[in-house]
Amino acid sequence: MHMNDGLDPGTGRNGDDPLHDDLAAFSLGAADSSESADIESLLAERPDLRAEAARFAAQATVLLSDVPRRQPPPDLKARILAAAHASHEAHDPTSSIVPLPQPARASSNLRSTLLWLTSTAAVVLLALSLYMFGEVNALRSERANLESLRSDLTQQVNSMYADLAMAVDLVMQNQSRRVELMSDDGEMRAMVVLQPEMHEAVIVTHDLPALTPDQTYQLWLIGPDGAVSTGMFNTDPEGDMTKVFKVAQPWDRVSALGISVEPRGGSDAPTSKPLAVGEL
């Protein structure tokens, strides 16, 4: 722009004045955006320049209004299109194409950034939701396992208390009998408390050897008919246990009691030497 060349903007109103030319271009709308911004800044500071610009604008309006309007010839449009078509066929249209640099578009970049942030947040939210879903399912499964364990423990405790109550009741009976089951080394491994008139007995074990997962203890009633199973049992880690057994045959047909180690699930007859035996 001519104003930036160091000339004094107040040198006059002739054609040799650069500012005069710039004001004229600005008034006719022929100045670019940078020149227009500079001129607008000067107009805000210089009333005399505002008057000059107004004069140029008025003159431009008069000139435009004084020019007579003429209709173009009817065949002008056809001649222009024909000339453009001929020029297009005579030259390679791609040879004159000059790629123009694309201006940076802040709004487009901002939109792309927002879209990226939104998609990233969606992925993170989805991953977090899947993780929380898995954690909730794991907690539900663990809760179900704990509920099942609590139910099993409750049943075991109730059964233990019932057996202890039965044992106390049998022990308190005047006619109850105690049968000590001894091992080969002379150690008492169990005691059976029974009431001859009742078809129930309580066995209390102490310090029985630990078994493997595929083994179980089995209590036998030994009599003239051989050994008859009255049930299976397992002990706690210390080898102790209290349990009530149902007795299917009269006690007068039982001469001894025995405990043997059997395969898991029990046996119809003893498959190993009795671990402990006691005579009635």
C-alpha atoms as a PDB file:
ATOM      1  CA  MET A   1       0.000   0.000   0.000  1.00  0.00           C
ATOM      2  CA  HIS A   2       1.307   3.429  -0.810  1.00  0.00           C
ATOM      3  CA  MET A   3       0.771   4.790   2.706  1.00  0.00           C
ATOM      4  CA  ASN A   4       3.451   2.485   4.022  1.00  0.00           C
ATOM      5  CA  ASP A   5       6.096   3.971   1.738  1.00  0.00           C
ATOM      6  CA  GLY A   6       6.845   6.805   4.226  1.00  0.00           C
ATOM      7  CA  LEU A   7       5.050   9.590   2.276  1.00  0.00           C
ATOM      8  CA  ASP A   8       3.132  12.325   4.053  1.00  0.00           C
ATOM      9  CA  PRO A   9      -0.610  11.629   3.688  1.00  0.00           C
ATOM     10  CA  GLY A  10      -1.379  15.346   3.595  1.00  0.00           C
ATOM     11  CA  THR A  11       0.578  16.357   0.468  1.00  0.00           C
ATOM     12  CA  GLY A  12      -2.471  17.376  -1.542  1.00  0.00           C
ATOM     13  CA  ARG A  13      -5.278  16.134  -3.781  1.00  0.00           C
ATOM     14  CA  ASN A  14      -3.651  15.486  -7.097  1.00  0.00           C
ATOM     15  CA  GLY A  15      -3.020  12.324  -9.016  1.00  0.00           C
ATOM     16  CA  ASP A  16       0.590  12.114  -7.819  1.00  0.00           C
ATOM     17  CA  ASP A  17      -0.411  11.754  -4.182  1.00  0.00           C
ATOM     18  CA  PRO A  18      -0.288   8.037  -3.138  1.00  0.00           C
ATOM     19  CA  LEU A  19      -2.807   8.607  -0.359  1.00  0.00           C
ATOM     20  CA  HIS A  20      -5.102  10.271  -2.906  1.00  0.00           C
ATOM     21  CA  ASP A  21      -4.948   7.112  -5.034  1.00  0.00           C
ATOM     22  CA  ASP A  22      -5.574   4.841  -2.036  1.00  0.00           C
ATOM     23  CA  LEU A  23      -8.597   6.860  -0.908  1.00  0.00           C
ATOM     24  CA  ALA A  24     -10.000   6.717  -4.427  1.00  0.00           C
ATOM     25  CA  ALA A  25      -9.533   2.932  -4.582  1.00  0.00           C
ATOM     26  CA  PHE A  26     -11.072   2.542  -1.126  1.00  0.00           C
ATOM     27  CA  SER A  27     -14.111   4.639  -2.080  1.00  0.00           C
ATOM     28  CA  LEU A  28     -14.643   2.594  -5.249  1.00  0.00           C
ATOM     29  CA  GLY A  29     -14.290  -0.687  -3.315  1.00  0.00           C
ATOM     30  CA  ALA A  30     -11.097  -1.623  -5.179  1.00  0.00           C
ATOM     31  CA  ALA A  31      -8.764  -1.780  -2.141  1.00  0.00           C
ATOM     32  CA  ASP A  32      -7.778  -5.153  -0.693  1.00  0.00           C
ATOM     33  CA  SER A  33      -8.544  -6.102   2.930  1.00  0.00           C
ATOM     34  CA  SER A  34      -5.139  -4.979   4.261  1.00  0.00           C
ATOM     35  CA  GLU A  35      -5.324  -1.580   2.515  1.00  0.00           C
ATOM     36  CA  SER A  36      -8.919  -1.094   3.625  1.00  0.00           C
ATOM     37  CA  ALA A  37      -7.963  -1.775   7.265  1.00  0.00           C
ATOM     38  CA  ASP A  38      -5.141   0.789   7.109  1.00  0.00           C
ATOM     39  CA  ILE A  39      -7.349   3.420   5.493  1.00  0.00           C
ATOM     40  CA  GLU A  40     -10.126   2.845   8.036  1.00  0.00           C
ATOM     41  CA  SER A  41      -7.598   3.409  10.847  1.00  0.00           C
ATOM     42  CA  LEU A  42      -6.525   6.718   9.238  1.00  0.00           C
ATOM     43  CA  LEU A  43     -10.143   7.787   8.666  1.00  0.00           C
ATOM     44  CA  ALA A  44     -10.836   7.291  12.366  1.00  0.00           C
ATOM     45  CA  GLU A  45      -7.994   9.721  13.209  1.00  0.00           C
ATOM     46  CA  ARG A  46      -8.254  12.251  10.306  1.00  0.00           C
ATOM     47  CA  PRO A  47     -11.533  14.152   9.741  1.00  0.00           C
ATOM     48  CA  ASP A  48     -10.069  15.724   6.612  1.00  0.00           C
ATOM     49  CA  LEU A  49      -9.484  12.311   5.124  1.00  0.00           C
ATOM     50  CA  ARG A  50     -13.042  11.273   5.962  1.00  0.00           C
ATOM     51  CA  ALA A  51     -14.286  14.274   3.958  1.00  0.00           C
ATOM     52  CA  GLU A  52     -11.973  13.327   1.088  1.00  0.00           C
ATOM     53  CA  ALA A  53     -13.247   9.759   1.112  1.00  0.00           C
ATOM     54  CA  ALA A  54     -16.859  10.977   1.139  1.00  0.00           C
ATOM     55  CA  ARG A  55     -16.121  13.183  -1.877  1.00  0.00           C
ATOM     56  CA  PHE A  56     -14.653  10.210  -3.764  1.00  0.00           C
ATOM     57  CA  ALA A  57     -17.676   8.081  -2.929  1.00  0.00           C
ATOM     58  CA  ALA A  58     -20.057  10.808  -4.156  1.00  0.00           C
ATOM     59  CA  GLN A  59     -18.126  11.201  -7.392  1.00  0.00           C
ATOM     60  CA  ALA A  60     -18.185   7.422  -7.940  1.00  0.00           C
ATOM     61  CA  THR A  61     -21.956   7.404  -7.460  1.00  0.00           C
ATOM     62  CA  VAL A  62     -22.392  10.244  -9.974  1.00  0.00           C
ATOM     63  CA  LEU A  63     -20.167   8.547 -12.514  1.00  0.00           C
ATOM     64  CA  LEU A  64     -22.042   5.300 -12.232  1.00  0.00           C
ATOM     65  CA  SER A  65     -25.407   7.032 -12.546  1.00  0.00           C
ATOM     66  CA  ASP A  66     -24.292   9.061 -15.611  1.00  0.00           C
ATOM     67  CA  VAL A  67     -23.220   6.064 -17.644  1.00  0.00           C
ATOM     68  CA  PRO A  68     -26.102   5.102 -19.952  1.00  0.00           C
ATOM     69  CA  ARG A  69     -27.302   1.543 -19.600  1.00  0.00           C
ATOM     70  CA  ARG A  70     -27.079  -0.497 -22.783  1.00  0.00           C
ATOM     71  CA  GLN A  71     -28.363  -3.961 -23.442  1.00  0.00           C
ATOM     72  CA  PRO A  72     -25.716  -6.359 -24.782  1.00  0.00           C
ATOM     73  CA  PRO A  73     -26.212  -7.769 -28.261  1.00  0.00           C
ATOM     74  CA  PRO A  74     -28.500 -10.858 -28.261  1.00  0.00           C
ATOM     75  CA  ASP A  75     -25.757 -13.078 -29.675  1.00  0.00           C
ATOM     76  CA  LEU A  76     -23.069 -11.947 -27.173  1.00  0.00           C
ATOM     77  CA  LYS A  77     -23.698 -14.810 -24.770  1.00  0.00           C
ATOM     78  CA  ALA A  78     -23.558 -17.394 -27.578  1.00  0.00           C
ATOM     79  CA  ARG A  79     -20.275 -15.891 -28.925  1.00  0.00           C
ATOM     80  CA  ILE A  80     -18.650 -15.947 -25.471  1.00  0.00           C
ATOM     81  CA  LEU A  81     -19.650 -19.585 -24.844  1.00  0.00           C
ATOM     82  CA  ALA A  82     -18.440 -20.614 -28.309  1.00  0.00           C
ATOM     83  CA  ALA A  83     -15.087 -18.899 -27.767  1.00  0.00           C
ATOM     84  CA  ALA A  84     -14.673 -20.547 -24.356  1.00  0.00           C
ATOM     85  CA  HIS A  85     -15.509 -23.938 -25.839  1.00  0.00           C
ATOM     86  CA  ALA A  86     -12.994 -23.498 -28.664  1.00  0.00           C
ATOM     87  CA  SER A  87     -10.303 -22.400 -26.234  1.00  0.00           C
ATOM     88  CA  HIS A  88     -11.025 -25.432 -24.032  1.00  0.00           C
ATOM     89  CA  GLU A  89     -10.583 -27.824 -26.967  1.00  0.00           C
ATOM     90  CA  ALA A  90      -7.403 -26.117 -28.199  1.00  0.00           C
ATOM     91  CA  HIS A  91      -5.555 -26.312 -24.910  1.00  0.00           C
ATOM     92  CA  ASP A  92      -5.105 -29.000 -22.262  1.00  0.00           C
ATOM     93  CA  PRO A  93      -7.309 -27.742 -19.433  1.00  0.00           C
ATOM     94  CA  THR A  94      -5.080 -29.294 -16.817  1.00  0.00           C
ATOM     95  CA  SER A  95      -1.947 -27.485 -18.042  1.00  0.00           C
ATOM     96  CA  SER A  96      -3.201 -24.077 -16.909  1.00  0.00           C
ATOM     97  CA  ILE A  97      -4.415 -25.218 -13.508  1.00  0.00           C
ATOM     98  CA  VAL A  98      -2.303 -23.703 -10.771  1.00  0.00           C
ATOM     99  CA  PRO A  99      -2.926 -25.220  -7.338  1.00  0.00           C
ATOM    100  CA  LEU A 100      -3.712 -22.529  -4.827  1.00  0.00           C
ATOM    101  CA  PRO A 101      -2.614 -22.869  -1.236  1.00  0.00           C
ATOM    102  CA  GLN A 102      -5.495 -23.665   1.032  1.00  0.00           C
ATOM    103  CA  PRO A 103      -5.872 -21.225   3.887  1.00  0.00           C
ATOM    104  CA  ALA A 104      -5.794 -22.667   7.344  1.00  0.00           C
ATOM    105  CA  ARG A 105      -9.259 -23.233   8.665  1.00  0.00           C
ATOM    106  CA  ALA A 106      -9.285 -22.917  12.417  1.00  0.00           C
ATOM    107  CA  SER A 107     -12.918 -23.930  12.632  1.00  0.00           C
ATOM    108  CA  SER A 108     -12.260 -27.119  10.649  1.00  0.00           C
ATOM    109  CA  ASN A 109      -9.241 -27.962  12.831  1.00  0.00           C
ATOM    110  CA  LEU A 110     -11.251 -27.272  15.967  1.00  0.00           C
ATOM    111  CA  ARG A 111     -14.074 -29.459  14.689  1.00  0.00           C
ATOM    112  CA  SER A 112     -11.612 -32.268  13.947  1.00  0.00           C
ATOM    113  CA  THR A 113     -10.078 -31.918  17.406  1.00  0.00           C
ATOM    114  CA  LEU A 114     -13.492 -31.998  19.059  1.00  0.00           C
ATOM    115  CA  LEU A 115     -14.500 -35.037  17.030  1.00  0.00           C
ATOM    116  CA  TRP A 116     -11.250 -36.792  18.021  1.00  0.00           C
ATOM    117  CA  LEU A 117     -11.767 -35.950  21.685  1.00  0.00           C
ATOM    118  CA  THR A 118     -15.370 -37.110  21.524  1.00  0.00           C
ATOM    119  CA  SER A 119     -14.463 -40.422  19.873  1.00  0.00           C
ATOM    120  CA  THR A 120     -11.584 -40.961  22.322  1.00  0.00           C
ATOM    121  CA  ALA A 121     -13.858 -40.255  25.271  1.00  0.00           C
ATOM    122  CA  ALA A 122     -16.417 -42.686  23.844  1.00  0.00           C
ATOM    123  CA  VAL A 123     -13.787 -45.426  23.538  1.00  0.00           C
ATOM    124  CA  VAL A 124     -12.558 -44.799  27.087  1.00  0.00           C
ATOM    125  CA  LEU A 125     -16.128 -44.800  28.388  1.00  0.00           C
ATOM    126  CA  LEU A 126     -16.868 -48.060  26.561  1.00  0.00           C
ATOM    127  CA  ALA A 127     -13.729 -49.704  27.947  1.00  0.00           C
ATOM    128  CA  LEU A 128     -14.569 -48.473  31.447  1.00  0.00           C
ATOM    129  CA  SER A 129     -18.140 -49.753  31.105  1.00  0.00           C
ATOM    130  CA  LEU A 130     -16.919 -53.191  29.997  1.00  0.00           C
ATOM    131  CA  TYR A 131     -14.444 -53.287  32.894  1.00  0.00           C
ATOM    132  CA  MET A 132     -17.122 -52.296  35.410  1.00  0.00           C
ATOM    133  CA  PHE A 133     -19.512 -54.852  33.894  1.00  0.00           C
ATOM    134  CA  GLY A 134     -16.896 -57.576  34.371  1.00  0.00           C
ATOM    135  CA  GLU A 135     -16.195 -56.422  37.920  1.00  0.00           C
ATOM    136  CA  VAL A 136     -19.911 -56.414  38.779  1.00  0.00           C
ATOM    137  CA  ASN A 137     -20.333 -59.924  37.365  1.00  0.00           C
ATOM    138  CA  ALA A 138     -17.289 -61.107  39.303  1.00  0.00           C
ATOM    139  CA  LEU A 139     -18.690 -59.602  42.496  1.00  0.00           C
ATOM    140  CA  ARG A 140     -22.055 -61.209  41.849  1.00  0.00           C
ATOM    141  CA  SER A 141     -20.398 -64.576  41.274  1.00  0.00           C
ATOM    142  CA  GLU A 142     -18.311 -64.169  44.422  1.00  0.00           C
ATOM    143  CA  ARG A 143     -21.395 -63.185  46.376  1.00  0.00           C
ATOM    144  CA  ALA A 144     -23.236 -66.266  45.096  1.00  0.00           C
ATOM    145  CA  ASN A 145     -20.296 -68.450  46.133  1.00  0.00           C
ATOM    146  CA  LEU A 146     -20.234 -66.845  49.570  1.00  0.00           C
ATOM    147  CA  GLU A 147     -23.973 -67.351  49.943  1.00  0.00           C
ATOM    148  CA  SER A 148     -23.591 -71.007  48.997  1.00  0.00           C
ATOM    149  CA  LEU A 149     -20.670 -71.403  51.420  1.00  0.00           C
ATOM    150  CA  ARG A 150     -22.634 -69.720  54.178  1.00  0.00           C
ATOM    151  CA  SER A 151     -25.568 -72.040  53.531  1.00  0.00           C
ATOM    152  CA  ASP A 152     -23.287 -75.090  53.662  1.00  0.00           C
ATOM    153  CA  LEU A 153     -21.625 -73.890  56.844  1.00  0.00           C
ATOM    154  CA  THR A 154     -24.999 -73.183  58.412  1.00  0.00           C
ATOM    155  CA  GLN A 155     -26.146 -76.716  57.625  1.00  0.00           C
ATOM    156  CA  GLN A 156     -22.932 -78.168  59.010  1.00  0.00           C
ATOM    157  CA  VAL A 157     -23.188 -76.130  62.194  1.00  0.00           C
ATOM    158  CA  ASN A 158     -26.830 -77.075  62.642  1.00  0.00           C
ATOM    159  CA  SER A 159     -25.981 -80.729  62.071  1.00  0.00           C
ATOM    160  CA  MET A 160     -23.087 -80.503  64.516  1.00  0.00           C
ATOM    161  CA  TYR A 161     -25.282 -78.960  67.195  1.00  0.00           C
ATOM    162  CA  ALA A 162     -27.922 -81.635  66.600  1.00  0.00           C
ATOM    163  CA  ASP A 163     -25.289 -84.360  66.963  1.00  0.00           C
ATOM    164  CA  LEU A 164     -23.895 -82.757  70.113  1.00  0.00           C
ATOM    165  CA  ALA A 165     -27.381 -82.495  71.586  1.00  0.00           C
ATOM    166  CA  MET A 166     -27.999 -86.163  70.771  1.00  0.00           C
ATOM    167  CA  ALA A 167     -24.629 -87.100  72.248  1.00  0.00           C
ATOM    168  CA  VAL A 168     -25.372 -85.233  75.476  1.00  0.00           C
ATOM    169  CA  ASP A 169     -28.796 -86.832  75.661  1.00  0.00           C
ATOM    170  CA  LEU A 170     -27.364 -90.319  75.158  1.00  0.00           C
ATOM    171  CA  VAL A 171     -24.559 -89.744  77.659  1.00  0.00           C
ATOM    172  CA  MET A 172     -27.029 -88.560  80.269  1.00  0.00           C
ATOM    173  CA  GLN A 173     -29.112 -91.710  79.891  1.00  0.00           C
ATOM    174  CA  ASN A 174     -28.520 -94.108  82.770  1.00  0.00           C
ATOM    175  CA  GLN A 175     -28.536 -97.132  80.483  1.00  0.00           C
ATOM    176  CA  SER A 176     -26.271 -95.694  77.799  1.00  0.00           C
ATOM    177  CA  ARG A 177     -23.169 -97.649  76.886  1.00  0.00           C
ATOM    178  CA  ARG A 178     -19.749 -96.410  75.862  1.00  0.00           C
ATOM    179  CA  VAL A 179     -17.668 -98.460  73.458  1.00  0.00           C
ATOM    180  CA  GLU A 180     -14.017 -97.460  73.071  1.00  0.00           C
ATOM    181  CA  LEU A 181     -12.477 -98.180  69.655  1.00  0.00           C
ATOM    182  CA  MET A 182      -8.745 -98.854  70.038  1.00  0.00           C
ATOM    183  CA  SER A 183      -5.978 -98.968  67.429  1.00  0.00           C
ATOM    184  CA  ASP A 184      -3.305-101.681  67.292  1.00  0.00           C
ATOM    185  CA  ASP A 185      -0.910 -99.470  69.254  1.00  0.00           C
ATOM    186  CA  GLY A 186      -3.358 -99.261  72.150  1.00  0.00           C
ATOM    187  CA  GLU A 187      -4.516 -95.696  71.477  1.00  0.00           C
ATOM    188  CA  MET A 188      -8.222 -94.901  71.697  1.00  0.00           C
ATOM    189  CA  ARG A 189      -9.219 -93.447  68.322  1.00  0.00           C
ATOM    190  CA  ALA A 190     -12.980 -93.181  68.836  1.00  0.00           C
ATOM    191  CA  MET A 191     -15.831 -93.675  71.295  1.00  0.00           C
ATOM    192  CA  VAL A 192     -19.350 -94.775  70.443  1.00  0.00           C
ATOM    193  CA  VAL A 193     -22.174 -93.899  72.838  1.00  0.00           C
ATOM    194  CA  LEU A 194     -25.337 -95.941  72.312  1.00  0.00           C
ATOM    195  CA  GLN A 195     -28.658 -96.654  73.994  1.00  0.00           C
ATOM    196  CA  PRO A 196     -29.669-100.312  73.586  1.00  0.00           C
ATOM    197  CA  GLU A 197     -33.344 -99.379  73.175  1.00  0.00           C
ATOM    198  CA  MET A 198     -32.632 -96.748  70.533  1.00  0.00           C
ATOM    199  CA  HIS A 199     -31.623 -97.163  66.885  1.00  0.00           C
ATOM    200  CA  GLU A 200     -29.159 -94.304  67.047  1.00  0.00           C
ATOM    201  CA  ALA A 201     -25.567 -93.958  68.224  1.00  0.00           C
ATOM    202  CA  VAL A 202     -23.055 -91.138  68.534  1.00  0.00           C
ATOM    203  CA  ILE A 203     -19.424 -91.579  67.489  1.00  0.00           C
ATOM    204  CA  VAL A 204     -16.742 -89.193  68.689  1.00  0.00           C
ATOM    205  CA  THR A 205     -13.315 -89.499  67.050  1.00  0.00           C
ATOM    206  CA  HIS A 206      -9.951 -88.136  68.150  1.00  0.00           C
ATOM    207  CA  ASP A 207      -6.671 -87.728  66.277  1.00  0.00           C
ATOM    208  CA  LEU A 208      -7.559 -89.958  63.345  1.00  0.00           C
ATOM    209  CA  PRO A 209      -4.992 -89.905  60.510  1.00  0.00           C
ATOM    210  CA  ALA A 210      -5.624 -87.490  57.641  1.00  0.00           C
ATOM    211  CA  LEU A 211      -7.079 -88.986  54.475  1.00  0.00           C
ATOM    212  CA  THR A 212      -6.512 -88.247  50.808  1.00  0.00           C
ATOM    213  CA  PRO A 213      -9.352 -86.661  48.785  1.00  0.00           C
ATOM    214  CA  ASP A 214     -10.237 -90.076  47.297  1.00  0.00           C
ATOM    215  CA  GLN A 215     -10.676 -91.756  50.723  1.00  0.00           C
ATOM    216  CA  THR A 216     -13.296 -91.797  53.478  1.00  0.00           C
ATOM    217  CA  TYR A 217     -13.833 -93.393  56.897  1.00  0.00           C
ATOM    218  CA  GLN A 218     -16.572 -96.008  57.297  1.00  0.00           C
ATOM    219  CA  LEU A 219     -18.133 -97.336  60.539  1.00  0.00           C
ATOM    220  CA  TRP A 220     -19.051-101.055  60.691  1.00  0.00           C
ATOM    221  CA  LEU A 221     -21.340-103.073  62.930  1.00  0.00           C
ATOM    222  CA  ILE A 222     -19.755-106.504  63.330  1.00  0.00           C
ATOM    223  CA  GLY A 223     -21.918-109.533  64.231  1.00  0.00           C
ATOM    224  CA  PRO A 224     -22.882-113.050  63.194  1.00  0.00           C
ATOM    225  CA  ASP A 225     -23.854-111.811  59.738  1.00  0.00           C
ATOM    226  CA  GLY A 226     -20.452-110.196  59.186  1.00  0.00           C
ATOM    227  CA  ALA A 227     -19.702-106.488  58.916  1.00  0.00           C
ATOM    228  CA  VAL A 228     -22.632-104.173  58.118  1.00  0.00           C
ATOM    229  CA  SER A 229     -21.980-100.516  57.239  1.00  0.00           C
ATOM    230  CA  THR A 230     -23.700 -97.903  59.313  1.00  0.00           C
ATOM    231  CA  GLY A 231     -22.318 -94.879  57.466  1.00  0.00           C
ATOM    232  CA  MET A 232     -19.326 -92.889  56.246  1.00  0.00           C
ATOM    233  CA  PHE A 233     -17.683 -89.837  57.789  1.00  0.00           C
ATOM    234  CA  ASN A 234     -14.704 -87.496  57.541  1.00  0.00           C
ATOM    235  CA  THR A 235     -12.912 -85.567  60.253  1.00  0.00           C
ATOM    236  CA  ASP A 236     -11.551 -82.055  60.637  1.00  0.00           C
ATOM    237  CA  PRO A 237      -7.817 -81.409  60.024  1.00  0.00           C
ATOM    238  CA  GLU A 238      -7.073 -82.503  63.623  1.00  0.00           C
ATOM    239  CA  GLY A 239      -8.789 -85.844  63.103  1.00  0.00           C
ATOM    240  CA  ASP A 240     -11.750 -84.985  65.380  1.00  0.00           C
ATOM    241  CA  MET A 241     -15.451 -85.460  64.621  1.00  0.00           C
ATOM    242  CA  THR A 242     -18.822 -85.994  66.341  1.00  0.00           C
ATOM    243  CA  LYS A 243     -21.620 -87.619  64.363  1.00  0.00           C
ATOM    244  CA  VAL A 244     -24.957 -89.359  64.949  1.00  0.00           C
ATOM    245  CA  PHE A 245     -25.542 -92.642  63.096  1.00  0.00           C
ATOM    246  CA  LYS A 246     -28.747 -94.524  62.417  1.00  0.00           C
ATOM    247  CA  VAL A 247     -28.553 -98.202  63.338  1.00  0.00           C
ATOM    248  CA  ALA A 248     -30.671-100.506  61.195  1.00  0.00           C
ATOM    249  CA  GLN A 249     -30.327-103.735  63.244  1.00  0.00           C
ATOM    250  CA  PRO A 250     -30.839-104.598  66.932  1.00  0.00           C
ATOM    251  CA  TRP A 251     -27.872-104.042  69.186  1.00  0.00           C
ATOM    252  CA  ASP A 252     -28.119-107.579  70.515  1.00  0.00           C
ATOM    253  CA  ARG A 253     -26.888-108.817  67.148  1.00  0.00           C
ATOM    254  CA  VAL A 254     -23.811-106.570  67.253  1.00  0.00           C
ATOM    255  CA  SER A 255     -20.671-107.869  68.963  1.00  0.00           C
ATOM    256  CA  ALA A 256     -18.150-105.220  67.929  1.00  0.00           C
ATOM    257  CA  LEU A 257     -17.694-101.923  66.149  1.00  0.00           C
ATOM    258  CA  GLY A 258     -14.912-101.083  63.676  1.00  0.00           C
ATOM    259  CA  ILE A 259     -13.587 -98.189  61.618  1.00  0.00           C
ATOM    260  CA  SER A 260     -11.837 -98.725  58.291  1.00  0.00           C
ATOM    261  CA  VAL A 261     -10.446 -96.517  55.528  1.00  0.00           C
ATOM    262  CA  GLU A 262     -12.409 -97.011  52.294  1.00  0.00           C
ATOM    263  CA  PRO A 263     -12.450 -95.511  48.794  1.00  0.00           C
ATOM    264  CA  ARG A 264     -14.457 -92.345  48.400  1.00  0.00           C
ATOM    265  CA  GLY A 265     -18.132 -93.226  48.232  1.00  0.00           C
ATOM    266  CA  GLY A 266     -17.796 -96.181  50.624  1.00  0.00           C
ATOM    267  CA  SER A 267     -17.747 -99.966  50.223  1.00  0.00           C
ATOM    268  CA  ASP A 268     -20.246-102.797  50.708  1.00  0.00           C
ATOM    269  CA  ALA A 269     -17.697-104.622  52.883  1.00  0.00           C
ATOM    270  CA  PRO A 270     -14.390-103.584  54.482  1.00  0.00           C
ATOM    271  CA  THR A 271     -11.558-103.456  51.921  1.00  0.00           C
ATOM    272  CA  SER A 272      -8.783-102.780  54.448  1.00  0.00           C
ATOM    273  CA  LYS A 273      -7.798-103.821  57.949  1.00  0.00           C
ATOM    274  CA  PRO A 274      -9.856-101.934  60.582  1.00  0.00           C
ATOM    275  CA  LEU A 275      -8.054 -98.864  61.891  1.00  0.00           C
ATOM    276  CA  ALA A 276      -9.750 -99.159  65.289  1.00  0.00           C
ATOM    277  CA  VAL A 277     -12.026-101.811  66.864  1.00  0.00           C
ATOM    278  CA  GLY A 278     -14.140-101.966  70.051  1.00  0.00           C
ATOM    279  CA  GLU A 279     -16.152-104.846  71.507  1.00  0.00           C
ATOM    280  CA  LEU A 280     -19.603-104.424  73.019  1.00  0.00           C
END
